[in-house]
Amino acid sequence: MPADIGHGQIWWVDFEVDKIRPVLVLTRSWVAPQLTRLLAAPITSRIRGIPCEVHLGSSDGLDLECVANFDNIQLIDSDRFLAQAGSMERIRWPEVCAAMAHVIAC
């Protein structure tokens, strides 16, 4: 696993049964190097306009307008992270918190 991986970064991940696709890393930066699996939200171009999505695009390092889908967050083996694609600005992190709060009905 890359040593500098952490929350707010967008990485390409090799999903064994699916395909190579981007994810938004949710695991805290200072904890990630000690873990074998990281928490991430898959990114998709299927935008449904629901509160558990966070919009991403070219300003985040992606070619298309898309969303991180928090209804499908998952733990991913750290050795499946291939390359960093971009990152989300820290100022936008409250959007992640709001989407996550919606998912767990806070």
Protein backbone atom coordinates (compact mmCIF):
# COMPACT_ATOMS: atom_id res chain seq x y z
CA MET A 1 0.00 0.00 0.00
CA PRO A 2 1.24 3.49 -0.73
CA ALA A 3 2.44 5.17 2.46
CA ASP A 4 0.75 8.50 1.80
CA ILE A 5 -2.82 7.32 1.23
CA GLY A 6 -5.64 8.83 3.26
CA HIS A 7 -9.01 10.53 3.54
CA GLY A 8 -10.09 12.85 0.79
CA GLN A 9 -7.89 11.22 -1.83
CA ILE A 10 -9.29 9.61 -4.96
CA TRP A 11 -7.60 6.35 -5.98
CA TRP A 12 -7.97 3.81 -8.75
CA VAL A 13 -8.77 0.42 -7.20
CA ASP A 14 -8.67 -3.02 -8.76
CA PHE A 15 -11.99 -4.62 -7.79
CA GLU A 16 -11.45 -8.32 -8.39
CA VAL A 17 -14.96 -9.16 -9.61
CA ASP A 18 -15.92 -5.80 -11.08
CA LYS A 19 -13.26 -3.67 -12.75
CA ILE A 20 -10.75 -0.95 -12.08
CA ARG A 21 -12.67 2.06 -10.81
CA PRO A 22 -12.10 5.15 -8.67
CA VAL A 23 -12.95 5.45 -4.98
CA LEU A 24 -12.91 8.25 -2.43
CA VAL A 25 -10.77 7.21 0.55
CA LEU A 26 -12.46 7.72 3.92
CA THR A 27 -9.86 6.19 6.26
CA ARG A 28 -7.91 8.78 8.23
CA SER A 29 -4.46 9.53 6.78
CA TRP A 30 -2.58 8.91 10.02
CA VAL A 31 -4.19 5.49 10.51
CA ALA A 32 -4.14 4.14 6.94
CA PRO A 33 -0.49 2.95 6.88
CA GLN A 34 -1.20 0.66 9.84
CA LEU A 35 -4.23 -1.04 8.28
CA THR A 36 -4.61 -3.85 5.76
CA ARG A 37 -8.04 -2.65 4.60
CA LEU A 38 -9.23 0.90 3.99
CA LEU A 39 -12.72 2.38 4.05
CA ALA A 40 -13.75 3.96 0.73
CA ALA A 41 -16.78 5.14 -1.20
CA PRO A 42 -17.00 3.92 -4.80
CA ILE A 43 -17.27 6.62 -7.44
CA THR A 44 -19.79 6.28 -10.24
CA SER A 45 -21.00 8.32 -13.19
CA ARG A 46 -24.58 7.27 -12.36
CA ILE A 47 -25.82 10.37 -10.57
CA ARG A 48 -29.14 9.87 -8.78
CA GLY A 49 -29.27 13.21 -6.96
CA ILE A 50 -29.78 11.68 -3.52
CA PRO A 51 -28.35 12.97 -0.21
CA CYS A 52 -25.89 10.09 0.19
CA GLU A 53 -23.92 11.18 -2.89
CA VAL A 54 -21.03 13.64 -3.00
CA HIS A 55 -20.47 15.28 -6.38
CA LEU A 56 -16.97 15.07 -7.89
CA GLY A 57 -15.46 16.16 -11.19
CA SER A 58 -12.53 17.75 -12.96
CA SER A 59 -11.56 19.94 -10.00
CA ASP A 60 -11.06 16.70 -8.04
CA GLY A 61 -8.91 15.05 -10.73
CA LEU A 62 -11.61 13.11 -12.57
CA ASP A 63 -12.47 13.31 -16.27
CA LEU A 64 -16.25 13.10 -15.85
CA GLU A 65 -18.86 14.55 -13.55
CA CYS A 66 -19.62 11.79 -11.07
CA VAL A 67 -20.46 11.04 -7.44
CA ALA A 68 -19.02 9.15 -4.51
CA ASN A 69 -21.82 6.84 -3.42
CA PHE A 70 -21.97 6.50 0.36
CA ASP A 71 -24.71 3.87 0.26
CA ASN A 72 -22.01 1.48 -0.98
CA ILE A 73 -19.01 2.29 1.23
CA GLN A 74 -16.77 -0.69 1.78
CA LEU A 75 -13.53 -1.96 3.24
CA ILE A 76 -11.00 -2.63 0.49
CA ASP A 77 -7.71 -4.55 0.79
CA SER A 78 -4.91 -1.98 0.73
CA ASP A 79 -2.99 -3.92 -1.93
CA ARG A 80 -5.81 -3.23 -4.42
CA PHE A 81 -5.10 0.53 -4.49
CA LEU A 82 -3.25 1.16 -7.76
CA ALA A 83 -2.67 4.88 -8.29
CA GLN A 84 -3.91 8.20 -7.02
CA ALA A 85 -6.29 9.94 -9.43
CA GLY A 86 -6.86 13.14 -7.50
CA SER A 87 -8.20 14.51 -4.26
CA MET A 88 -11.08 16.41 -2.78
CA GLU A 89 -10.39 19.80 -1.22
CA ARG A 90 -10.48 19.75 2.58
CA ILE A 91 -13.02 22.56 2.62
CA ARG A 92 -15.50 20.12 1.04
CA TRP A 93 -15.13 17.45 3.75
CA PRO A 94 -18.41 18.55 5.45
CA GLU A 95 -20.18 17.24 2.31
CA VAL A 96 -18.73 13.81 3.12
CA CYS A 97 -19.88 14.08 6.73
CA ALA A 98 -23.40 15.07 5.63
CA ALA A 99 -23.64 12.15 3.17
CA MET A 100 -22.39 9.73 5.82
CA ALA A 101 -24.85 11.08 8.40
CA HIS A 102 -27.65 10.49 5.90
CA VAL A 103 -26.55 6.90 5.31
CA ILE A 104 -26.62 6.01 9.01
CA ALA A 105 -29.72 8.14 9.70
CA CYS A 106 -28.11 10.58 12.16
